[in-house]
Amino acid sequence: MNNPKISFVIAARNGEHDKSFLTRLRTMLRLRSVFVARHHLSCEFILVQYNPPKNQPLYEYLNGIYCQP
């Protein structure tokens, strides 16, 4: 296997007790992206948000920033 693909599975939950959830999540994703780019790795990020608050659409937020077709 010449180009293995790495899957980063990230379990996250915004329990609304910490207002910096999106900042911390964004920082973690950016740092992982820099690592992957630096080492020319093929990867995917799988974000699992369990029991999300209904008034905070994380998918739409992340889709606008990180997802590429």
C-alpha atoms as a PDB file:
ATOM      1  CA  MET A   1       0.000   0.000   0.000  1.00  0.00           C
ATOM      2  CA  ASN A   2       1.833   3.089  -1.206  1.00  0.00           C
ATOM      3  CA  ASN A   3      -0.609   5.789  -0.087  1.00  0.00           C
ATOM      4  CA  PRO A   4      -2.471   4.682   3.001  1.00  0.00           C
ATOM      5  CA  LYS A   5      -5.488   6.728   3.998  1.00  0.00           C
ATOM      6  CA  ILE A   6      -5.767   7.805   7.610  1.00  0.00           C
ATOM      7  CA  SER A   7      -9.178   8.319   9.176  1.00  0.00           C
ATOM      8  CA  PHE A   8      -9.336  10.718  12.099  1.00  0.00           C
ATOM      9  CA  VAL A   9     -12.530   9.964  14.030  1.00  0.00           C
ATOM     10  CA  ILE A  10     -13.389  12.818  16.347  1.00  0.00           C
ATOM     11  CA  ALA A  11     -16.151  12.484  18.908  1.00  0.00           C
ATOM     12  CA  ALA A  12     -17.406  15.845  20.107  1.00  0.00           C
ATOM     13  CA  ARG A  13     -20.283  17.255  22.057  1.00  0.00           C
ATOM     14  CA  ASN A  14     -21.189  20.838  22.683  1.00  0.00           C
ATOM     15  CA  GLY A  15     -22.672  20.602  26.134  1.00  0.00           C
ATOM     16  CA  GLU A  16     -23.156  24.370  26.204  1.00  0.00           C
ATOM     17  CA  HIS A  17     -21.133  24.569  29.432  1.00  0.00           C
ATOM     18  CA  ASP A  18     -18.110  25.987  27.637  1.00  0.00           C
ATOM     19  CA  LYS A  19     -18.504  28.812  25.137  1.00  0.00           C
ATOM     20  CA  SER A  20     -15.208  27.977  23.411  1.00  0.00           C
ATOM     21  CA  PHE A  21     -16.344  24.649  21.905  1.00  0.00           C
ATOM     22  CA  LEU A  22     -16.266  25.852  18.273  1.00  0.00           C
ATOM     23  CA  THR A  23     -12.954  27.636  18.787  1.00  0.00           C
ATOM     24  CA  ARG A  24     -11.337  24.524  20.252  1.00  0.00           C
ATOM     25  CA  LEU A  25     -12.818  22.318  17.517  1.00  0.00           C
ATOM     26  CA  ARG A  26     -11.667  24.688  14.773  1.00  0.00           C
ATOM     27  CA  THR A  27      -8.155  24.841  16.273  1.00  0.00           C
ATOM     28  CA  MET A  28      -7.908  21.066  16.482  1.00  0.00           C
ATOM     29  CA  LEU A  29      -9.061  20.628  12.862  1.00  0.00           C
ATOM     30  CA  ARG A  30      -6.628  23.262  11.600  1.00  0.00           C
ATOM     31  CA  LEU A  31      -3.685  21.719  13.477  1.00  0.00           C
ATOM     32  CA  ARG A  32      -4.506  18.265  12.120  1.00  0.00           C
ATOM     33  CA  SER A  33      -4.817  19.736   8.626  1.00  0.00           C
ATOM     34  CA  VAL A  34      -1.378  21.342   8.893  1.00  0.00           C
ATOM     35  CA  PHE A  35       0.118  18.031  10.061  1.00  0.00           C
ATOM     36  CA  VAL A  36      -1.493  16.148   7.180  1.00  0.00           C
ATOM     37  CA  ALA A  37      -0.357  18.704   4.600  1.00  0.00           C
ATOM     38  CA  ARG A  38       3.183  18.811   5.981  1.00  0.00           C
ATOM     39  CA  HIS A  39       3.560  15.056   5.654  1.00  0.00           C
ATOM     40  CA  HIS A  40       1.609  14.726   2.389  1.00  0.00           C
ATOM     41  CA  LEU A  41      -0.868  12.270   3.886  1.00  0.00           C
ATOM     42  CA  SER A  42      -4.160  11.157   2.456  1.00  0.00           C
ATOM     43  CA  CYS A  43      -6.801  11.389   5.135  1.00  0.00           C
ATOM     44  CA  GLU A  44     -10.359  12.071   6.106  1.00  0.00           C
ATOM     45  CA  PHE A  45     -11.889  13.675   9.171  1.00  0.00           C
ATOM     46  CA  ILE A  46     -14.990  12.029  10.576  1.00  0.00           C
ATOM     47  CA  LEU A  47     -16.709  14.229  13.124  1.00  0.00           C
ATOM     48  CA  VAL A  48     -19.299  12.544  15.315  1.00  0.00           C
ATOM     49  CA  GLN A  49     -21.367  14.981  17.327  1.00  0.00           C
ATOM     50  CA  TYR A  50     -23.519  13.084  19.771  1.00  0.00           C
ATOM     51  CA  ASN A  51     -26.673  14.552  21.282  1.00  0.00           C
ATOM     52  CA  PRO A  52     -26.231  17.960  19.612  1.00  0.00           C
ATOM     53  CA  PRO A  53     -28.189  20.977  20.812  1.00  0.00           C
ATOM     54  CA  LYS A  54     -31.020  21.646  18.362  1.00  0.00           C
ATOM     55  CA  ASN A  55     -30.303  25.380  18.145  1.00  0.00           C
ATOM     56  CA  GLN A  56     -26.658  24.984  17.081  1.00  0.00           C
ATOM     57  CA  PRO A  57     -26.276  23.613  13.538  1.00  0.00           C
ATOM     58  CA  LEU A  58     -22.647  22.450  13.679  1.00  0.00           C
ATOM     59  CA  TYR A  59     -22.882  20.719  10.300  1.00  0.00           C
ATOM     60  CA  GLU A  60     -23.793  23.934   8.476  1.00  0.00           C
ATOM     61  CA  TYR A  61     -21.052  25.844  10.287  1.00  0.00           C
ATOM     62  CA  LEU A  62     -18.327  23.322   9.442  1.00  0.00           C
ATOM     63  CA  ASN A  63     -19.601  22.686   5.931  1.00  0.00           C
ATOM     64  CA  GLY A  64     -19.101  26.329   5.051  1.00  0.00           C
ATOM     65  CA  ILE A  65     -15.546  26.386   6.377  1.00  0.00           C
ATOM     66  CA  TYR A  66     -13.892  23.003   5.845  1.00  0.00           C
ATOM     67  CA  CYS A  67     -15.737  20.801   3.404  1.00  0.00           C
ATOM     68  CA  GLN A  68     -14.578  20.644  -0.167  1.00  0.00           C
ATOM     69  CA  PRO A  69     -16.293  18.769  -3.006  1.00  0.00           C
END
